[in-house]
C-alpha atoms as a PDB file:
ATOM      1  CA  MET A   1      72.372 116.085 127.556  1.00  0.00           C
ATOM      2  CA  ALA A   2      73.737 113.439 124.996  1.00  0.00           C
ATOM      3  CA  THR A   3      71.447 112.301 122.117  1.00  0.00           C
ATOM      4  CA  ALA A   4      70.536 108.523 121.892  1.00  0.00           C
ATOM      5  CA  MET A   5      73.154 107.859 119.410  1.00  0.00           C
ATOM      6  CA  GLU A   6      75.811 109.518 121.456  1.00  0.00           C
ATOM      7  CA  SER A   7      75.189 107.531 124.350  1.00  0.00           C
ATOM      8  CA  ARG A   8      75.784 104.126 122.415  1.00  0.00           C
ATOM      9  CA  ARG A   9      79.196 102.783 122.409  1.00  0.00           C
ATOM     10  CA  ILE A  10      80.628 101.062 119.450  1.00  0.00           C
ATOM     11  CA  VAL A  11      83.766  99.110 119.829  1.00  0.00           C
ATOM     12  CA  ILE A  12      86.002  98.193 116.687  1.00  0.00           C
ATOM     13  CA  ALA A  13      88.250  95.292 117.808  1.00  0.00           C
ATOM     14  CA  GLY A  14      91.057  94.957 115.169  1.00  0.00           C
ATOM     15  CA  ALA A  15      90.780  98.750 114.324  1.00  0.00           C
ATOM     16  CA  SER A  16      94.248  98.860 112.557  1.00  0.00           C
ATOM     17  CA  SER A  17      93.257  96.322 109.959  1.00  0.00           C
ATOM     18  CA  LEU A  18      92.030  97.256 106.412  1.00  0.00           C
ATOM     19  CA  LEU A  19      88.657  95.909 107.214  1.00  0.00           C
ATOM     20  CA  GLY A  20      88.576  97.663 110.677  1.00  0.00           C
ATOM     21  CA  ALA A  21      89.459 101.086 108.989  1.00  0.00           C
ATOM     22  CA  GLU A  22      86.809 100.433 106.160  1.00  0.00           C
ATOM     23  CA  LEU A  23      84.179  99.508 108.857  1.00  0.00           C
ATOM     24  CA  LYS A  24      84.936 102.615 110.841  1.00  0.00           C
ATOM     25  CA  SER A  25      84.686 104.965 107.768  1.00  0.00           C
ATOM     26  CA  LEU A  26      81.381 103.464 106.753  1.00  0.00           C
ATOM     27  CA  LEU A  27      79.921 103.620 110.461  1.00  0.00           C
ATOM     28  CA  GLU A  28      80.910 107.302 110.386  1.00  0.00           C
ATOM     29  CA  GLU A  29      78.967 107.842 107.174  1.00  0.00           C
ATOM     30  CA  SER A  30      75.665 106.164 108.715  1.00  0.00           C
ATOM     31  CA  HIS A  31      73.113 106.538 111.438  1.00  0.00           C
ATOM     32  CA  PHE A  32      76.148 105.691 113.830  1.00  0.00           C
ATOM     33  CA  ALA A  33      78.249 108.850 113.127  1.00  0.00           C
ATOM     34  CA  ALA A  34      77.458 110.369 116.487  1.00  0.00           C
ATOM     35  CA  CYS A  35      78.403 107.159 118.454  1.00  0.00           C
ATOM     36  CA  ASP A  36      81.088 106.878 120.987  1.00  0.00           C
ATOM     37  CA  PHE A  37      83.779 105.047 119.149  1.00  0.00           C
ATOM     38  CA  ARG A  38      86.256 102.942 121.044  1.00  0.00           C
ATOM     39  CA  LEU A  39      89.346 101.543 118.790  1.00  0.00           C
ATOM     40  CA  VAL A  40      91.202  98.511 120.138  1.00  0.00           C
ATOM     41  CA  ASP A  41      93.702  96.128 118.747  1.00  0.00           C
ATOM     42  CA  GLU A  42      96.854  93.846 119.103  1.00  0.00           C
ATOM     43  CA  GLU A  43      99.322  94.955 121.709  1.00  0.00           C
ATOM     44  CA  SER A  44     101.835  95.352 118.824  1.00  0.00           C
ATOM     45  CA  VAL A  45      99.867  98.174 117.090  1.00  0.00           C
ATOM     46  CA  ALA A  46      98.501  99.859 120.181  1.00  0.00           C
ATOM     47  CA  GLY A  47      99.445 103.498 120.101  1.00  0.00           C
ATOM     48  CA  LEU A  48      98.805 103.819 116.404  1.00  0.00           C
ATOM     49  CA  LEU A  49      97.506 107.165 115.571  1.00  0.00           C
ATOM     50  CA  THR A  50      94.318 107.412 113.602  1.00  0.00           C
ATOM     51  CA  GLU A  51      91.280 109.897 113.337  1.00  0.00           C
ATOM     52  CA  ASP A  52      87.731 109.647 114.918  1.00  0.00           C
ATOM     53  CA  GLY A  53      85.257 112.021 113.381  1.00  0.00           C
ATOM     54  CA  GLY A  54      88.153 114.413 111.974  1.00  0.00           C
ATOM     55  CA  GLU A  55      89.878 114.283 115.485  1.00  0.00           C
ATOM     56  CA  PRO A  56      93.078 112.419 116.268  1.00  0.00           C
ATOM     57  CA  ALA A  57      92.289 109.131 117.976  1.00  0.00           C
ATOM     58  CA  VAL A  58      94.882 106.441 119.292  1.00  0.00           C
ATOM     59  CA  ILE A  59      94.106 102.817 118.772  1.00  0.00           C
ATOM     60  CA  GLN A  60      94.272 101.134 122.404  1.00  0.00           C
ATOM     61  CA  PRO A  61      95.225  97.690 123.534  1.00  0.00           C
ATOM     62  CA  VAL A  62      92.561  95.215 124.760  1.00  0.00           C
ATOM     63  CA  GLU A  63      92.258  95.688 128.378  1.00  0.00           C
ATOM     64  CA  ALA A  64      89.835  94.535 131.119  1.00  0.00           C
ATOM     65  CA  ASP A  65      87.542  97.401 130.454  1.00  0.00           C
ATOM     66  CA  SER A  66      87.736  97.611 126.799  1.00  0.00           C
ATOM     67  CA  PHE A  67      84.310  96.444 125.915  1.00  0.00           C
ATOM     68  CA  ASN A  68      82.612  98.064 129.048  1.00  0.00           C
ATOM     69  CA  LYS A  69      79.272  99.699 128.361  1.00  0.00           C
ATOM     70  CA  ALA A  70      79.230  98.781 124.563  1.00  0.00           C
ATOM     71  CA  TRP A  71      76.353  98.499 122.499  1.00  0.00           C
ATOM     72  CA  THR A  72      77.914  96.737 119.746  1.00  0.00           C
ATOM     73  CA  ILE A  73      81.293  95.106 119.209  1.00  0.00           C
ATOM     74  CA  PHE A  74      82.826  94.522 115.704  1.00  0.00           C
ATOM     75  CA  PHE A  75      85.575  92.103 115.440  1.00  0.00           C
ATOM     76  CA  ALA A  76      87.573  93.019 112.252  1.00  0.00           C
ATOM     77  CA  GLY A  77      91.119  91.678 112.906  1.00  0.00           C
ATOM     78  CA  SER A  78      92.476  88.144 112.617  1.00  0.00           C
ATOM     79  CA  PRO A  79      90.580  85.107 113.546  1.00  0.00           C
ATOM     80  CA  ALA A  80      93.006  84.393 116.304  1.00  0.00           C
ATOM     81  CA  PHE A  81      92.388  88.065 117.864  1.00  0.00           C
ATOM     82  CA  THR A  82      88.728  87.259 117.959  1.00  0.00           C
ATOM     83  CA  ALA A  83      89.174  83.886 119.734  1.00  0.00           C
ATOM     84  CA  ARG A  84      91.418  85.407 122.297  1.00  0.00           C
ATOM     85  CA  ASN A  85      89.071  88.222 123.175  1.00  0.00           C
ATOM     86  CA  LEU A  86      85.779  86.824 122.591  1.00  0.00           C
ATOM     87  CA  GLU A  87      85.081  85.639 126.294  1.00  0.00           C
ATOM     88  CA  LEU A  88      85.945  89.283 127.627  1.00  0.00           C
ATOM     89  CA  ALA A  89      83.500  90.759 124.853  1.00  0.00           C
ATOM     90  CA  ASN A  90      81.044  88.592 125.912  1.00  0.00           C
ATOM     91  CA  ARG A  91      81.083  89.760 129.479  1.00  0.00           C
ATOM     92  CA  SER A  92      79.758  93.258 128.403  1.00  0.00           C
ATOM     93  CA  GLY A  93      76.314  91.934 127.244  1.00  0.00           C
ATOM     94  CA  ALA A  94      76.852  93.857 123.936  1.00  0.00           C
ATOM     95  CA  ARG A  95      75.820  92.450 120.485  1.00  0.00           C
ATOM     96  CA  ILE A  96      78.837  90.870 118.816  1.00  0.00           C
ATOM     97  CA  LEU A  97      79.407  91.329 114.806  1.00  0.00           C
ATOM     98  CA  ASP A  98      82.438  88.981 113.748  1.00  0.00           C
ATOM     99  CA  LEU A  99      83.707  89.776 110.354  1.00  0.00           C
ATOM    100  CA  SER A 100      87.133  87.739 111.038  1.00  0.00           C
ATOM    101  CA  GLY A 101      85.386  84.395 110.084  1.00  0.00           C
ATOM    102  CA  ALA A 102      86.546  82.915 113.742  1.00  0.00           C
ATOM    103  CA  LEU A 103      82.965  82.331 114.766  1.00  0.00           C
ATOM    104  CA  ALA A 104      81.357  80.982 111.606  1.00  0.00           C
ATOM    105  CA  GLY A 105      79.581  77.801 112.229  1.00  0.00           C
ATOM    106  CA  ASN A 106      79.947  78.048 116.116  1.00  0.00           C
ATOM    107  CA  GLY A 107      77.080  77.096 118.284  1.00  0.00           C
ATOM    108  CA  GLY A 108      74.713  80.072 119.133  1.00  0.00           C
ATOM    109  CA  VAL A 109      76.190  82.107 116.263  1.00  0.00           C
ATOM    110  CA  GLN A 110      73.955  83.613 113.399  1.00  0.00           C
ATOM    111  CA  MET A 111      75.284  83.962 110.168  1.00  0.00           C
ATOM    112  CA  TRP A 112      73.803  86.823 108.310  1.00  0.00           C
ATOM    113  CA  LEU A 113      73.667  88.362 104.830  1.00  0.00           C
ATOM    114  CA  PRO A 114      71.366  90.970 103.474  1.00  0.00           C
ATOM    115  CA  ARG A 115      68.549  89.603 101.015  1.00  0.00           C
ATOM    116  CA  PHE A 116      69.438  86.008 101.814  1.00  0.00           C
ATOM    117  CA  PRO A 117      66.440  83.850 102.433  1.00  0.00           C
ATOM    118  CA  GLU A 118      68.186  81.694 104.935  1.00  0.00           C
ATOM    119  CA  HIS A 119      69.168  84.713 107.113  1.00  0.00           C
ATOM    120  CA  ALA A 120      65.966  86.744 106.543  1.00  0.00           C
ATOM    121  CA  ASP A 121      64.544  86.662 110.162  1.00  0.00           C
ATOM    122  CA  ILE A 122      67.445  85.957 112.639  1.00  0.00           C
ATOM    123  CA  THR A 123      67.651  89.666 113.736  1.00  0.00           C
ATOM    124  CA  SER A 124      64.210  89.232 115.352  1.00  0.00           C
ATOM    125  CA  ARG A 125      65.156  86.217 117.385  1.00  0.00           C
ATOM    126  CA  ASP A 126      65.304  86.875 121.077  1.00  0.00           C
ATOM    127  CA  ASN A 127      68.646  84.906 121.550  1.00  0.00           C
ATOM    128  CA  ALA A 128      70.540  86.273 118.623  1.00  0.00           C
ATOM    129  CA  ASN A 129      73.351  88.110 120.248  1.00  0.00           C
ATOM    130  CA  ILE A 130      76.485  87.010 118.268  1.00  0.00           C
ATOM    131  CA  PHE A 131      76.415  87.326 114.368  1.00  0.00           C
ATOM    132  CA  SER A 132      79.054  86.293 111.779  1.00  0.00           C
ATOM    133  CA  ILE A 133      79.394  88.390 108.636  1.00  0.00           C
ATOM    134  CA  PRO A 134      80.987  86.170 105.902  1.00  0.00           C
ATOM    135  CA  SER A 135      83.946  87.171 103.701  1.00  0.00           C
ATOM    136  CA  ALA A 136      83.269  88.339 100.078  1.00  0.00           C
ATOM    137  CA  PRO A 137      84.502  85.081  98.467  1.00  0.00           C
ATOM    138  CA  ALA A 138      82.354  83.035 100.992  1.00  0.00           C
ATOM    139  CA  GLU A 139      79.301  85.128 100.063  1.00  0.00           C
ATOM    140  CA  ILE A 140      79.787  84.724  96.395  1.00  0.00           C
ATOM    141  CA  ILE A 141      80.078  80.968  96.548  1.00  0.00           C
ATOM    142  CA  ALA A 142      77.218  80.700  98.994  1.00  0.00           C
ATOM    143  CA  ARG A 143      74.946  82.962  96.750  1.00  0.00           C
ATOM    144  CA  ILE A 144      75.905  80.865  93.489  1.00  0.00           C
ATOM    145  CA  ALA A 145      75.170  77.512  95.497  1.00  0.00           C
ATOM    146  CA  VAL A 146      71.683  78.799  96.323  1.00  0.00           C
ATOM    147  CA  ALA A 147      71.140  80.202  92.643  1.00  0.00           C
ATOM    148  CA  VAL A 148      71.747  76.934  91.200  1.00  0.00           C
ATOM    149  CA  ARG A 149      70.649  74.285  93.956  1.00  0.00           C
ATOM    150  CA  SER A 150      67.423  73.319  92.139  1.00  0.00           C
ATOM    151  CA  LEU A 151      69.041  72.642  89.035  1.00  0.00           C
ATOM    152  CA  SER A 152      72.345  71.159  90.350  1.00  0.00           C
ATOM    153  CA  ARG A 153      73.144  67.553  89.939  1.00  0.00           C
ATOM    154  CA  SER A 154      76.275  67.520  92.100  1.00  0.00           C
ATOM    155  CA  PRO A 155      77.826  69.846  94.549  1.00  0.00           C
ATOM    156  CA  LEU A 156      79.166  73.225  93.470  1.00  0.00           C
ATOM    157  CA  THR A 157      82.929  73.435  92.876  1.00  0.00           C
ATOM    158  CA  ALA A 158      84.534  76.787  93.553  1.00  0.00           C
ATOM    159  CA  VAL A 159      88.010  78.195  93.568  1.00  0.00           C
ATOM    160  CA  ALA A 160      88.523  81.467  95.347  1.00  0.00           C
ATOM    161  CA  PHE A 161      91.789  83.640  94.505  1.00  0.00           C
ATOM    162  CA  GLN A 162      92.803  85.671  97.728  1.00  0.00           C
ATOM    163  CA  SER A 163      94.421  88.957  97.061  1.00  0.00           C
ATOM    164  CA  ILE A 164      97.346  90.177  99.286  1.00  0.00           C
ATOM    165  CA  SER A 165      95.156  92.650 101.252  1.00  0.00           C
ATOM    166  CA  SER A 166      93.091  89.711 102.672  1.00  0.00           C
ATOM    167  CA  SER A 167      96.249  87.473 103.036  1.00  0.00           C
ATOM    168  CA  GLY A 168      98.562  90.010 104.972  1.00  0.00           C
ATOM    169  CA  GLY A 169      96.900  93.317 105.482  1.00  0.00           C
ATOM    170  CA  LYS A 170      98.994  96.502 105.221  1.00  0.00           C
ATOM    171  CA  ALA A 171     102.176  94.615 105.854  1.00  0.00           C
ATOM    172  CA  GLY A 172     101.314  92.202 102.974  1.00  0.00           C
ATOM    173  CA  ILE A 173     100.620  95.057 100.596  1.00  0.00           C
ATOM    174  CA  GLU A 174     103.976  96.695 101.358  1.00  0.00           C
ATOM    175  CA  GLU A 175     105.801  93.344 100.684  1.00  0.00           C
ATOM    176  CA  LEU A 176     103.874  92.837  97.248  1.00  0.00           C
ATOM    177  CA  GLU A 177     104.858  96.445  96.368  1.00  0.00           C
ATOM    178  CA  THR A 178     108.613  96.069  97.402  1.00  0.00           C
ATOM    179  CA  GLN A 179     108.834  92.572  95.782  1.00  0.00           C
ATOM    180  CA  THR A 180     107.307  94.014  92.471  1.00  0.00           C
ATOM    181  CA  GLY A 181     109.939  96.706  92.328  1.00  0.00           C
ATOM    182  CA  GLN A 182     112.960  94.447  93.417  1.00  0.00           C
ATOM    183  CA  LEU A 183     112.069  91.965  90.887  1.00  0.00           C
ATOM    184  CA  LEU A 184     111.631  94.436  87.915  1.00  0.00           C
ATOM    185  CA  SER A 185     114.944  95.927  88.944  1.00  0.00           C
ATOM    186  CA  PHE A 186     116.552  92.354  88.850  1.00  0.00           C
ATOM    187  CA  GLN A 187     117.105  92.595  92.598  1.00  0.00           C
ATOM    188  CA  PRO A 188     116.331  89.698  95.109  1.00  0.00           C
ATOM    189  CA  ALA A 189     113.056  89.994  96.577  1.00  0.00           C
ATOM    190  CA  GLY A 190     112.355  90.522 100.308  1.00  0.00           C
ATOM    191  CA  LYS A 191     110.532  87.755 102.058  1.00  0.00           C
ATOM    192  CA  ALA A 192     109.763  89.099 105.621  1.00  0.00           C
ATOM    193  CA  VAL A 193     105.919  88.850 105.595  1.00  0.00           C
ATOM    194  CA  PHE A 194     105.349  85.743 103.424  1.00  0.00           C
ATOM    195  CA  ASP A 195     108.773  83.727 103.312  1.00  0.00           C
ATOM    196  CA  THR A 196     108.316  83.359  99.815  1.00  0.00           C
ATOM    197  CA  GLN A 197     107.899  85.432  96.502  1.00  0.00           C
ATOM    198  CA  VAL A 198     104.243  86.444  96.208  1.00  0.00           C
ATOM    199  CA  ALA A 199     104.886  88.920  93.193  1.00  0.00           C
ATOM    200  CA  PHE A 200     104.150  87.813  89.664  1.00  0.00           C
ATOM    201  CA  THR A 201     103.358  84.216  91.032  1.00  0.00           C
ATOM    202  CA  MET A 202     100.354  81.953  92.064  1.00  0.00           C
ATOM    203  CA  LEU A 203     100.457  79.845  95.186  1.00  0.00           C
ATOM    204  CA  ASP A 204      98.647  77.322  97.119  1.00  0.00           C
ATOM    205  CA  HIS A 205     100.625  78.047 100.147  1.00  0.00           C
ATOM    206  CA  PHE A 206     103.333  80.464 101.621  1.00  0.00           C
ATOM    207  CA  GLY A 207     106.733  79.788 102.915  1.00  0.00           C
ATOM    208  CA  PRO A 208     107.092  77.738 106.140  1.00  0.00           C
ATOM    209  CA  ALA A 209     108.113  80.620 108.252  1.00  0.00           C
ATOM    210  CA  SER A 210     105.222  83.017 107.208  1.00  0.00           C
ATOM    211  CA  ALA A 211     102.551  83.690 109.919  1.00  0.00           C
ATOM    212  CA  HIS A 212     100.280  83.815 107.329  1.00  0.00           C
ATOM    213  CA  LYS A 213      99.017  80.330 106.359  1.00  0.00           C
ATOM    214  CA  LEU A 214      96.764  79.950 103.082  1.00  0.00           C
ATOM    215  CA  GLN A 215      95.419  76.515 104.707  1.00  0.00           C
ATOM    216  CA  ALA A 216      94.220  78.354 107.837  1.00  0.00           C
ATOM    217  CA  SER A 217      92.415  80.896 105.501  1.00  0.00           C
ATOM    218  CA  LEU A 218      90.935  78.096 103.531  1.00  0.00           C
ATOM    219  CA  GLU A 219      89.436  76.385 106.640  1.00  0.00           C
ATOM    220  CA  VAL A 220      87.795  79.778 107.598  1.00  0.00           C
ATOM    221  CA  LEU A 221      86.516  80.108 104.020  1.00  0.00           C
ATOM    222  CA  ARG A 222      85.051  76.604 104.149  1.00  0.00           C
ATOM    223  CA  LYS A 223      83.504  77.243 107.590  1.00  0.00           C
ATOM    224  CA  GLU A 224      81.890  80.370 106.229  1.00  0.00           C
ATOM    225  CA  VAL A 225      80.313  79.022 103.129  1.00  0.00           C
ATOM    226  CA  HIS A 226      79.055  75.801 105.155  1.00  0.00           C
ATOM    227  CA  ALA A 227      77.514  78.065 107.820  1.00  0.00           C
ATOM    228  CA  CYS A 228      75.715  80.258 105.353  1.00  0.00           C
ATOM    229  CA  LEU A 229      73.812  77.187 103.926  1.00  0.00           C
ATOM    230  CA  PRO A 230      71.150  74.945 105.441  1.00  0.00           C
ATOM    231  CA  SER A 231      72.663  71.825 107.161  1.00  0.00           C
ATOM    232  CA  ASP A 232      70.913  69.619 104.685  1.00  0.00           C
ATOM    233  CA  GLU A 233      72.456  71.366 101.593  1.00  0.00           C
ATOM    234  CA  ARG A 234      75.326  69.892  99.842  1.00  0.00           C
ATOM    235  CA  ALA A 235      78.110  71.594 100.789  1.00  0.00           C
ATOM    236  CA  PRO A 236      80.322  73.213  97.807  1.00  0.00           C
ATOM    237  CA  LEU A 237      83.760  71.795  97.126  1.00  0.00           C
ATOM    238  CA  VAL A 238      86.199  74.782  97.912  1.00  0.00           C
ATOM    239  CA  GLN A 239      89.704  75.688  97.313  1.00  0.00           C
ATOM    240  CA  LEU A 240      91.658  78.786  97.897  1.00  0.00           C
ATOM    241  CA  LEU A 241      94.669  80.185  96.029  1.00  0.00           C
ATOM    242  CA  HIS A 242      97.054  83.223  96.383  1.00  0.00           C
ATOM    243  CA  ALA A 243      96.816  85.690  93.506  1.00  0.00           C
ATOM    244  CA  PRO A 244      99.418  88.357  93.088  1.00  0.00           C
ATOM    245  CA  VAL A 245      97.077  91.400  93.148  1.00  0.00           C
ATOM    246  CA  PHE A 246      96.888  94.050  95.917  1.00  0.00           C
ATOM    247  CA  TYR A 247      92.962  94.306  96.472  1.00  0.00           C
ATOM    248  CA  GLY A 248      89.729  92.238  95.592  1.00  0.00           C
ATOM    249  CA  SER A 249      88.259  88.749  95.753  1.00  0.00           C
ATOM    250  CA  THR A 250      87.738  86.736  92.611  1.00  0.00           C
ATOM    251  CA  VAL A 251      85.905  83.170  92.447  1.00  0.00           C
ATOM    252  CA  THR A 252      85.583  80.845  89.625  1.00  0.00           C
ATOM    253  CA  ALA A 253      83.029  78.116  89.960  1.00  0.00           C
ATOM    254  CA  PHE A 254      81.678  74.930  88.205  1.00  0.00           C
ATOM    255  CA  ALA A 255      78.331  73.600  88.397  1.00  0.00           C
ATOM    256  CA  ASN A 256      76.872  70.265  86.698  1.00  0.00           C
ATOM    257  CA  LEU A 257      73.145  71.425  86.095  1.00  0.00           C
ATOM    258  CA  ASP A 258      70.007  70.169  84.530  1.00  0.00           C
ATOM    259  CA  PRO A 259      70.809  70.086  80.741  1.00  0.00           C
ATOM    260  CA  SER A 260      67.406  71.688  80.271  1.00  0.00           C
ATOM    261  CA  ALA A 261      68.666  74.851  81.889  1.00  0.00           C
ATOM    262  CA  ASP A 262      69.763  77.625  79.562  1.00  0.00           C
ATOM    263  CA  ALA A 263      71.694  80.807  80.298  1.00  0.00           C
ATOM    264  CA  ALA A 264      68.752  83.010  80.811  1.00  0.00           C
ATOM    265  CA  ILE A 265      67.350  80.751  83.537  1.00  0.00           C
ATOM    266  CA  ILE A 266      70.616  80.370  85.186  1.00  0.00           C
ATOM    267  CA  SER A 267      71.345  84.206  85.003  1.00  0.00           C
ATOM    268  CA  LYS A 268      67.776  84.911  86.414  1.00  0.00           C
ATOM    269  CA  ALA A 269      68.455  82.591  89.212  1.00  0.00           C
ATOM    270  CA  CYS A 270      71.849  84.143  90.162  1.00  0.00           C
ATOM    271  CA  GLY A 271      70.114  87.586  89.965  1.00  0.00           C
ATOM    272  CA  GLU A 272      67.604  86.411  92.366  1.00  0.00           C
ATOM    273  CA  ALA A 273      70.114  85.245  94.800  1.00  0.00           C
ATOM    274  CA  GLY A 274      71.747  88.478  94.901  1.00  0.00           C
ATOM    275  CA  LEU A 275      74.539  88.415  92.459  1.00  0.00           C
ATOM    276  CA  THR A 276      74.756  91.326  89.983  1.00  0.00           C
ATOM    277  CA  ILE A 277      75.088  90.204  86.159  1.00  0.00           C
ATOM    278  CA  ALA A 278      77.755  92.148  84.353  1.00  0.00           C
ATOM    279  CA  SER A 279      77.545  92.709  80.783  1.00  0.00           C
ATOM    280  CA  ASP A 280      79.934  90.873  78.232  1.00  0.00           C
ATOM    281  CA  ASP A 281      81.872  94.069  77.480  1.00  0.00           C
ATOM    282  CA  SER A 282      82.438  94.916  81.247  1.00  0.00           C
ATOM    283  CA  PRO A 283      83.871  91.591  82.682  1.00  0.00           C
ATOM    284  CA  PRO A 284      84.052  91.464  86.554  1.00  0.00           C
ATOM    285  CA  GLY A 285      87.520  91.714  88.051  1.00  0.00           C
ATOM    286  CA  ASN A 286      89.389  93.080  91.113  1.00  0.00           C
ATOM    287  CA  ILE A 287      89.649  96.491  89.544  1.00  0.00           C
ATOM    288  CA  SER A 288      85.995  96.855  88.267  1.00  0.00           C
ATOM    289  CA  SER A 289      84.693  95.790  91.748  1.00  0.00           C
ATOM    290  CA  ALA A 290      86.840  98.035  93.634  1.00  0.00           C
ATOM    291  CA  GLY A 291      84.679 100.508  95.995  1.00  0.00           C
ATOM    292  CA  GLU A 292      81.640  98.716  95.080  1.00  0.00           C
ATOM    293  CA  THR A 293      79.167  96.757  97.301  1.00  0.00           C
ATOM    294  CA  ALA A 294      77.651  94.498  94.508  1.00  0.00           C
ATOM    295  CA  LEU A 295      78.974  90.983  93.988  1.00  0.00           C
ATOM    296  CA  GLN A 296      79.697  91.013  90.221  1.00  0.00           C
ATOM    297  CA  LEU A 297      79.064  87.954  88.235  1.00  0.00           C
ATOM    298  CA  ALA A 298      79.941  87.522  84.599  1.00  0.00           C
ATOM    299  CA  PRO A 299      77.114  85.762  82.382  1.00  0.00           C
ATOM    300  CA  PRO A 300      77.391  82.078  82.950  1.00  0.00           C
ATOM    301  CA  GLN A 301      79.045  80.222  80.412  1.00  0.00           C
ATOM    302  CA  SER A 302      78.350  76.649  79.200  1.00  0.00           C
ATOM    303  CA  ASP A 303      81.116  74.090  78.726  1.00  0.00           C
ATOM    304  CA  PRO A 304      80.723  72.366  75.275  1.00  0.00           C
ATOM    305  CA  SER A 305      82.517  69.316  76.610  1.00  0.00           C
ATOM    306  CA  ALA A 306      79.420  67.981  78.603  1.00  0.00           C
ATOM    307  CA  PRO A 307      75.529  68.574  78.624  1.00  0.00           C
ATOM    308  CA  GLY A 308      74.821  70.661  81.674  1.00  0.00           C
ATOM    309  CA  ALA A 309      78.345  71.949  82.491  1.00  0.00           C
ATOM    310  CA  TRP A 310      78.638  75.564  83.489  1.00  0.00           C
ATOM    311  CA  TRP A 311      81.254  78.066  84.676  1.00  0.00           C
ATOM    312  CA  PHE A 312      80.975  81.013  86.722  1.00  0.00           C
ATOM    313  CA  TRP A 313      83.260  83.943  87.309  1.00  0.00           C
ATOM    314  CA  ALA A 314      82.693  86.616  90.085  1.00  0.00           C
ATOM    315  CA  ALA A 315      84.494  89.414  91.733  1.00  0.00           C
ATOM    316  CA  ALA A 316      83.959  91.788  94.905  1.00  0.00           C
ATOM    317  CA  ASP A 317      85.539  94.206  96.981  1.00  0.00           C
ATOM    318  CA  ASN A 318      87.095  92.116  99.758  1.00  0.00           C
ATOM    319  CA  VAL A 319      87.038  94.713 102.174  1.00  0.00           C
ATOM    320  CA  ARG A 320      84.023  96.841 101.529  1.00  0.00           C
ATOM    321  CA  VAL A 321      81.572  94.149 101.008  1.00  0.00           C
ATOM    322  CA  PRO A 322      81.784  92.759 104.428  1.00  0.00           C
ATOM    323  CA  ALA A 323      81.955  96.101 106.184  1.00  0.00           C
ATOM    324  CA  ALA A 324      78.925  97.271 104.358  1.00  0.00           C
ATOM    325  CA  ASN A 325      77.057  94.235 105.114  1.00  0.00           C
ATOM    326  CA  ALA A 326      78.129  94.667 108.990  1.00  0.00           C
ATOM    327  CA  VAL A 327      76.799  98.198 109.011  1.00  0.00           C
ATOM    328  CA  LYS A 328      73.439  97.035 107.413  1.00  0.00           C
ATOM    329  CA  LEU A 329      73.136  94.378 110.070  1.00  0.00           C
ATOM    330  CA  ALA A 330      73.817  97.033 112.712  1.00  0.00           C
ATOM    331  CA  GLU A 331      71.246  99.326 111.408  1.00  0.00           C
ATOM    332  CA  LYS A 332      68.743  96.383 111.499  1.00  0.00           C
ATOM    333  CA  LEU A 333      69.506  95.672 115.097  1.00  0.00           C
ATOM    334  CA  LEU A 334      69.175  99.327 116.037  1.00  0.00           C
ATOM    335  CA  GLY A 335      65.510  99.410 114.630  1.00  0.00           C
END
């Protein structure tokens, strides 16, 4: 006879993505290890061989019965993939946890973050069936905004730096690696994925022929941040730039705060909002945050050019953080 967990089917839609693979790995290390996993993705990657509980498994294309009998469905692919398959997933009656950003801010969709006051009780609502898990940079920006809101004299301004693993997934990582080697060897850089040079350069957009659009990613990020915060909260001003690094999310933010606030007060507020304050001799970065679930924040720095001007620098693992948050939510829903 199957155990209670073995009878629960979990569908990971977008299973071939870096986020999908991380999510599956964390689920297999959690209470859900004995569940029945179904892995689906785009038609172009269907048939890709992976593993499930140490056994070979094949990623399947989405079909009419892909979500049948599912307990929970995780969307971990592109926003477009989520949008195309949401109606079919909804028919299953399963709980839907979206990590793609496609559903952020949509009616009936509940944003969720652990230890975040605005989202504390949503899992107990009878009508909560679709949840959105924000990306790491969105979570960083939202938590800083919450931390400083009682001290702030103007909206928070934030710039997020997007790594290649968020921009283009596995194919993007391979192109950055190839471009780096080609440029160091004084060879022309291939541009199949981004239609431009992404190695050794900062950008606010990719080439026109690229399927990956930074502007589209920025729109999703802004939606996620706004959806995390109360509707009457002043929306942070958000920009997104390409950074020529393989992994991680980093964010710099500026806040114009009450001049009476000092570093100790601001750091305490940031800690209470769920950010981990790093020491001065261990600055946050995409390397230091790799494999971690904490949102690392450097000690806030005042700007001597104006009273109350403060700068923030934070980093997080762009794959592990949302995947770990999704597993935490699934565990709450299980209870």
